[in-house]
Amino acid sequence: MLQHLLSTDGSMLPMALSLLLPLVLYYSVRVYQGRKKTDVPKYVTKQSRNHESKFDTLEDIMQENYAKDKNHIYLVEHPHKDVHIIPAKYVDELMQWPDEKVNFLEDIDDARQYTKMLAPGGIHDETLTHTIKNNLTPNLGIIMNDLQEEIDYAFAQVIGECKDWTPSYPMAGLMRIIALVSGRIFIGPELNRNEEYLDCALNFAVQGFSVIPVMRKYPPWLRPLASLWVAECRRPEASIETMKRLLAPVLAARLASDPRRSDMLTWILANSPPGRATDLTWQAMYQLQIATAAMHTTSNTMTHIFFDLAAHPEYLEPL
């Protein structure tokens, strides 16, 4: 086919170049990456198409190396990019490094267009960071009454009255409790008890993370095209549309009345980039992002606390 394209009068040359250029760029990048040198041990997994490796997953490599020597740095070849495993003793030092050298958001930014999990303005959109630092934290005392009211409601709804030891599945129950309580401060009483909102807020993170392993099966240059047929990519998009539909009347009411409410929605509207306070898509994505950041992490922490208390009942009475 290529010989036919090149043997004509030249009119087909642009088409030939359009076919060849992506392949040339892709293999050039692979060759360049392959020439990078490192002075740390390198491991591979069967996931990296190395079926002779004794390691099935990254976790297997980490467990073996932690048992041998938990204080050394090593490299793991992964389907999407190489991963450096760094000992915990370096964490404090790394936290002091500027974003130009170490930036977690940059590392995952290439997946943002598929997972939809970062801020709509990209990694340099600091709306939520600014809002948490300058509005939420200084106003914790003001919102505490609302939080306590919602905590009482959430525990009564999820766990009920406990006159004696009551069986419970902590993770599922706590996720709903955290969603209710955090939603009261994130989006307000108009929606935080709405079942569609709760389902959307809790499942968006799961949907987004489920996209990543599927897209890693494709080379980077093919991922924009693959996202058109990968079913997992549709789920975060559907959640965004649901959040937009739920948020639309609340956003309209807030913008029309300009209430001085003490919640994240009000503060985010005030801190949004120019023209974005009225952008329904941006505001819906902000709400889903803060839900992703808060609900699952807090639920995991609380679950560990519950199990720690069950293992150490001597602390129940002092508490």
Protein backbone atom coordinates (compact mmCIF):
# COMPACT_ATOMS: atom_id res chain seq x y z
CA MET A 1 0.00 0.00 0.00
CA LEU A 2 2.79 2.40 0.97
CA GLN A 3 4.62 1.70 -2.30
CA HIS A 4 1.46 2.52 -4.22
CA LEU A 5 1.02 5.80 -2.36
CA LEU A 6 4.59 6.90 -3.07
CA SER A 7 4.68 5.74 -6.69
CA THR A 8 1.91 8.09 -7.81
CA ASP A 9 2.34 11.68 -8.97
CA GLY A 10 2.69 12.89 -5.38
CA SER A 11 -0.94 13.70 -4.70
CA MET A 12 -1.11 10.87 -2.20
CA LEU A 13 2.01 11.94 -0.34
CA PRO A 14 0.15 13.86 2.41
CA MET A 15 -1.89 10.75 3.16
CA ALA A 16 1.24 8.64 3.36
CA LEU A 17 2.87 11.08 5.74
CA SER A 18 -0.24 11.20 7.92
CA LEU A 19 -0.06 7.40 8.23
CA LEU A 20 3.66 7.29 8.93
CA LEU A 21 4.13 10.25 11.25
CA PRO A 22 2.33 8.86 14.32
CA LEU A 23 4.27 5.60 14.06
CA VAL A 24 7.59 7.39 13.67
CA LEU A 25 6.90 9.61 16.66
CA TYR A 26 5.80 6.70 18.78
CA TYR A 27 8.85 4.56 18.10
CA SER A 28 11.17 7.54 18.47
CA VAL A 29 9.82 8.15 21.95
CA ARG A 30 10.16 4.47 22.83
CA VAL A 31 13.76 4.43 21.65
CA TYR A 32 14.51 7.62 23.62
CA GLN A 33 12.92 6.19 26.75
CA GLY A 34 14.88 3.00 26.31
CA ARG A 35 18.15 4.94 26.34
CA LYS A 36 17.50 6.54 29.71
CA LYS A 37 20.06 5.33 32.24
CA THR A 38 19.46 4.57 35.87
CA ASP A 39 21.78 3.37 38.58
CA VAL A 40 19.06 1.65 40.62
CA PRO A 41 17.86 -1.96 40.27
CA LYS A 42 15.09 -2.50 37.75
CA TYR A 43 12.31 -5.08 37.96
CA VAL A 44 9.60 -6.14 35.56
CA THR A 45 6.25 -7.84 36.01
CA LYS A 46 4.24 -10.17 33.87
CA GLN A 47 1.93 -7.21 33.31
CA SER A 48 4.77 -5.63 31.33
CA ARG A 49 4.56 -8.46 28.79
CA ASN A 50 7.50 -10.24 30.40
CA HIS A 51 6.02 -13.65 30.98
CA GLU A 52 9.32 -14.97 32.33
CA SER A 53 9.17 -12.66 35.36
CA LYS A 54 8.39 -14.31 38.67
CA PHE A 55 6.40 -11.26 39.73
CA ASP A 56 2.74 -10.99 38.78
CA THR A 57 2.20 -7.44 40.04
CA LEU A 58 3.94 -4.36 41.39
CA GLU A 59 2.73 -5.35 44.87
CA ASP A 60 4.65 -8.66 44.63
CA ILE A 61 7.87 -6.79 43.87
CA MET A 62 7.32 -4.34 46.71
CA GLN A 63 6.64 -7.10 49.24
CA GLU A 64 9.80 -9.03 48.34
CA ASN A 65 12.04 -5.95 48.35
CA TYR A 66 10.56 -4.65 51.60
CA ALA A 67 11.43 -7.95 53.25
CA LYS A 68 15.01 -7.80 51.88
CA ASP A 69 15.79 -4.14 52.44
CA LYS A 70 13.09 -1.53 52.92
CA ASN A 71 15.58 1.34 52.58
CA HIS A 72 16.71 1.05 48.96
CA ILE A 73 15.35 2.68 45.80
CA TYR A 74 14.44 0.60 42.77
CA LEU A 75 12.59 0.88 39.47
CA VAL A 76 9.63 -1.14 38.21
CA GLU A 77 8.76 -1.25 34.52
CA HIS A 78 5.03 -0.73 34.27
CA PRO A 79 2.64 -0.81 31.30
CA HIS A 80 2.03 2.96 31.29
CA LYS A 81 5.39 4.24 32.59
CA ASP A 82 8.26 3.23 34.85
CA VAL A 83 7.62 3.57 38.58
CA HIS A 84 10.29 4.47 41.14
CA ILE A 85 9.76 2.94 44.58
CA ILE A 86 11.21 5.28 47.21
CA PRO A 87 11.68 4.38 50.92
CA ALA A 88 9.50 6.12 53.47
CA LYS A 89 12.55 7.76 55.07
CA TYR A 90 12.77 10.12 52.07
CA VAL A 91 9.15 11.27 52.20
CA ASP A 92 9.76 14.33 54.42
CA GLU A 93 12.57 15.48 52.13
CA LEU A 94 10.49 14.99 48.99
CA MET A 95 7.64 17.01 50.50
CA GLN A 96 9.99 19.99 50.65
CA TRP A 97 10.83 19.82 46.95
CA PRO A 98 9.14 22.34 44.63
CA ASP A 99 6.43 21.25 42.19
CA GLU A 100 8.86 21.79 39.32
CA LYS A 101 10.79 18.73 40.51
CA VAL A 102 8.14 16.52 42.13
CA ASN A 103 4.51 16.90 41.16
CA PHE A 104 2.00 14.12 41.78
CA LEU A 105 -0.67 15.83 39.69
CA GLU A 106 1.65 16.04 36.68
CA ASP A 107 2.22 12.32 36.91
CA ILE A 108 -1.49 11.56 36.58
CA ASP A 109 -2.40 14.47 34.32
CA ASP A 110 -2.05 12.34 31.18
CA ALA A 111 -5.01 10.27 32.41
CA ARG A 112 -7.15 13.29 33.26
CA GLN A 113 -8.92 13.43 29.90
CA TYR A 114 -10.13 9.84 30.41
CA THR A 115 -10.80 9.66 34.17
CA LYS A 116 -12.16 13.26 34.50
CA MET A 117 -10.92 13.17 38.10
CA LEU A 118 -8.82 16.35 38.19
CA ALA A 119 -10.03 19.93 38.23
CA PRO A 120 -11.58 21.07 34.95
CA GLY A 121 -8.84 23.66 34.55
CA GLY A 122 -6.08 21.05 34.78
CA ILE A 123 -3.24 20.68 37.25
CA HIS A 124 -2.70 24.44 37.47
CA ASP A 125 -6.31 25.09 38.51
CA GLU A 126 -5.93 25.95 42.21
CA THR A 127 -9.56 26.85 42.88
CA LEU A 128 -10.17 23.99 45.29
CA THR A 129 -6.78 24.34 47.01
CA HIS A 130 -7.40 28.04 47.54
CA THR A 131 -10.95 27.42 48.79
CA ILE A 132 -9.92 24.77 51.31
CA LYS A 133 -7.02 26.84 52.63
CA ASN A 134 -8.65 30.27 52.74
CA ASN A 135 -12.34 29.48 53.30
CA LEU A 136 -13.01 25.99 54.64
CA THR A 137 -10.24 25.80 57.24
CA PRO A 138 -10.81 29.26 58.79
CA ASN A 139 -14.57 28.59 58.98
CA LEU A 140 -14.49 25.18 60.65
CA GLY A 141 -15.87 26.68 63.85
CA ILE A 142 -18.79 28.26 61.99
CA ILE A 143 -19.82 25.06 60.17
CA MET A 144 -19.43 22.79 63.20
CA ASN A 145 -23.13 23.01 64.16
CA ASP A 146 -24.17 21.91 60.66
CA LEU A 147 -21.67 19.06 60.78
CA GLN A 148 -22.92 17.86 64.17
CA GLU A 149 -26.54 17.96 62.99
CA GLU A 150 -25.67 15.89 59.93
CA ILE A 151 -23.55 13.43 61.92
CA ASP A 152 -26.50 12.77 64.24
CA TYR A 153 -28.82 12.26 61.26
CA ALA A 154 -26.34 10.05 59.38
CA PHE A 155 -25.64 7.70 62.29
CA ALA A 156 -29.35 7.41 63.06
CA GLN A 157 -30.11 6.55 59.43
CA VAL A 158 -27.22 4.17 58.78
CA ILE A 159 -26.60 2.47 62.13
CA GLY A 160 -29.68 3.30 64.18
CA GLU A 161 -30.04 3.33 67.94
CA CYS A 162 -27.53 1.02 69.61
CA LYS A 163 -28.66 -0.14 73.07
CA ASP A 164 -26.14 -2.99 72.98
CA TRP A 165 -23.43 -4.34 70.69
CA THR A 166 -24.77 -3.94 67.17
CA PRO A 167 -23.34 -5.80 64.13
CA SER A 168 -22.24 -3.52 61.32
CA TYR A 169 -20.26 -3.61 58.10
CA PRO A 170 -18.06 -0.58 58.83
CA MET A 171 -16.77 0.31 55.36
CA ALA A 172 -20.15 0.48 53.61
CA GLY A 173 -21.88 2.23 56.47
CA LEU A 174 -19.11 4.74 57.06
CA MET A 175 -18.91 5.62 53.36
CA ARG A 176 -22.56 6.64 53.42
CA ILE A 177 -22.14 8.53 56.70
CA ILE A 178 -19.11 10.42 55.37
CA ALA A 179 -20.96 11.17 52.11
CA LEU A 180 -23.91 12.65 54.00
CA VAL A 181 -21.77 14.71 56.37
CA SER A 182 -19.24 15.99 53.84
CA GLY A 183 -22.01 16.61 51.29
CA ARG A 184 -23.70 18.94 53.78
CA ILE A 185 -20.61 21.17 53.64
CA PHE A 186 -19.72 20.55 49.98
CA ILE A 187 -23.03 21.17 48.26
CA GLY A 188 -25.49 22.08 51.03
CA PRO A 189 -28.75 20.67 52.42
CA GLU A 190 -30.48 21.05 49.05
CA LEU A 191 -28.75 17.92 47.72
CA ASN A 192 -26.62 16.16 50.31
CA ARG A 193 -29.38 13.67 51.24
CA ASN A 194 -30.47 13.14 47.65
CA GLU A 195 -29.90 9.47 46.70
CA GLU A 196 -28.74 10.30 43.18
CA TYR A 197 -26.21 12.78 44.56
CA LEU A 198 -24.90 10.26 47.09
CA ASP A 199 -24.58 7.55 44.46
CA CYS A 200 -22.84 9.91 42.07
CA ALA A 201 -20.43 11.31 44.66
CA LEU A 202 -19.44 7.89 46.00
CA ASN A 203 -19.07 6.08 42.67
CA PHE A 204 -17.26 8.74 40.64
CA ALA A 205 -13.86 7.89 42.13
CA VAL A 206 -14.38 4.17 41.53
CA GLN A 207 -15.41 4.85 37.94
CA GLY A 208 -12.43 7.09 37.32
CA PHE A 209 -9.84 4.69 38.73
CA SER A 210 -11.36 1.78 36.79
CA VAL A 211 -10.54 3.60 33.56
CA ILE A 212 -6.78 3.65 34.22
CA PRO A 213 -5.92 -0.09 33.97
CA VAL A 214 -8.05 -0.43 30.85
CA MET A 215 -6.40 2.51 29.08
CA ARG A 216 -2.93 1.31 30.06
CA LYS A 217 -3.43 -1.65 27.75
CA TYR A 218 -3.08 0.77 24.83
CA PRO A 219 0.09 2.66 23.87
CA PRO A 220 -0.08 6.38 24.75
CA TRP A 221 -0.45 7.53 21.15
CA LEU A 222 -3.52 5.30 20.69
CA ARG A 223 -5.33 6.23 23.92
CA PRO A 224 -7.21 9.27 22.58
CA LEU A 225 -8.69 7.05 19.87
CA ALA A 226 -9.25 4.08 22.19
CA SER A 227 -11.20 6.27 24.60
CA LEU A 228 -13.93 6.49 21.95
CA TRP A 229 -14.77 2.80 22.28
CA VAL A 230 -13.66 1.90 25.83
CA ALA A 231 -16.88 1.52 27.83
CA GLU A 232 -15.20 2.47 31.12
CA CYS A 233 -14.58 5.98 29.78
CA ARG A 234 -18.31 6.59 29.46
CA ARG A 235 -19.07 6.05 33.16
CA PRO A 236 -17.28 9.13 34.59
CA GLU A 237 -18.85 11.18 31.80
CA ALA A 238 -22.31 9.89 32.79
CA SER A 239 -21.66 10.87 36.42
CA ILE A 240 -20.68 14.38 35.36
CA GLU A 241 -23.93 14.70 33.42
CA THR A 242 -25.89 13.48 36.44
CA MET A 243 -24.16 15.96 38.72
CA LYS A 244 -24.83 18.76 36.23
CA ARG A 245 -28.54 17.91 36.17
CA LEU A 246 -28.77 17.82 39.97
CA LEU A 247 -26.67 20.92 40.48
CA ALA A 248 -28.35 23.11 37.84
CA PRO A 249 -31.32 24.40 39.93
CA VAL A 250 -29.18 24.79 43.06
CA LEU A 251 -26.53 26.75 41.14
CA ALA A 252 -29.15 28.96 39.53
CA ALA A 253 -30.70 29.74 42.91
CA ARG A 254 -27.35 30.51 44.50
CA LEU A 255 -26.31 32.83 41.67
CA ALA A 256 -29.69 34.60 41.68
CA SER A 257 -29.93 35.24 45.41
CA ASP A 258 -26.21 35.58 46.22
CA PRO A 259 -26.66 34.14 49.73
CA ARG A 260 -23.86 34.36 52.25
CA ARG A 261 -23.80 30.63 52.89
CA SER A 262 -20.94 28.88 54.64
CA ASP A 263 -20.33 25.90 52.38
CA MET A 264 -17.92 24.83 49.66
CA LEU A 265 -20.32 25.57 46.81
CA THR A 266 -20.59 29.23 47.82
CA TRP A 267 -16.84 29.57 48.33
CA ILE A 268 -15.98 27.77 45.08
CA LEU A 269 -18.30 30.09 43.15
CA ALA A 270 -16.47 33.07 44.64
CA ASN A 271 -13.03 31.62 43.87
CA SER A 272 -13.70 30.22 40.38
CA PRO A 273 -11.70 31.53 37.42
CA PRO A 274 -13.32 34.41 35.52
CA GLY A 275 -16.48 33.29 33.77
CA ARG A 276 -16.49 29.83 35.39
CA ALA A 277 -18.82 30.51 38.31
CA THR A 278 -21.75 30.16 35.88
CA ASP A 279 -20.19 27.21 34.01
CA LEU A 280 -22.29 24.22 35.03
CA THR A 281 -19.75 21.66 33.81
CA TRP A 282 -16.90 23.22 35.77
CA GLN A 283 -18.97 23.47 38.95
CA ALA A 284 -20.18 19.87 38.64
CA MET A 285 -16.60 18.67 38.19
CA TYR A 286 -15.44 20.67 41.20
CA GLN A 287 -18.09 18.94 43.31
CA LEU A 288 -17.08 15.50 42.06
CA GLN A 289 -13.40 16.23 42.62
CA ILE A 290 -13.82 17.24 46.26
CA ALA A 291 -16.04 14.19 46.80
CA THR A 292 -13.31 12.00 45.33
CA ALA A 293 -10.66 13.55 47.56
CA ALA A 294 -12.65 13.37 50.79
CA MET A 295 -15.15 10.55 50.94
CA HIS A 296 -13.14 7.38 50.29
CA THR A 297 -10.02 8.46 52.18
CA THR A 298 -12.01 9.50 55.26
CA SER A 299 -14.10 6.31 55.15
CA ASN A 300 -10.94 4.18 55.01
CA THR A 301 -9.44 6.03 57.97
CA MET A 302 -12.61 5.69 60.05
CA THR A 303 -12.84 1.97 59.22
CA HIS A 304 -9.32 1.43 60.55
CA ILE A 305 -10.26 3.35 63.71
CA PHE A 306 -13.30 1.11 64.24
CA PHE A 307 -11.22 -2.04 63.91
CA ASP A 308 -8.51 -0.63 66.18
CA LEU A 309 -11.14 0.07 68.84
CA ALA A 310 -12.54 -3.44 68.45
CA ALA A 311 -9.03 -4.83 68.94
CA HIS A 312 -8.39 -2.57 71.95
CA PRO A 313 -11.68 -2.31 73.88
CA GLU A 314 -9.83 -0.84 76.88
CA TYR A 315 -9.97 2.52 75.09
CA LEU A 316 -13.77 2.55 74.72
CA GLU A 317 -14.53 3.74 78.25
CA PRO A 318 -12.05 6.67 78.28
CA LEU A 319 -13.39 7.79 74.90
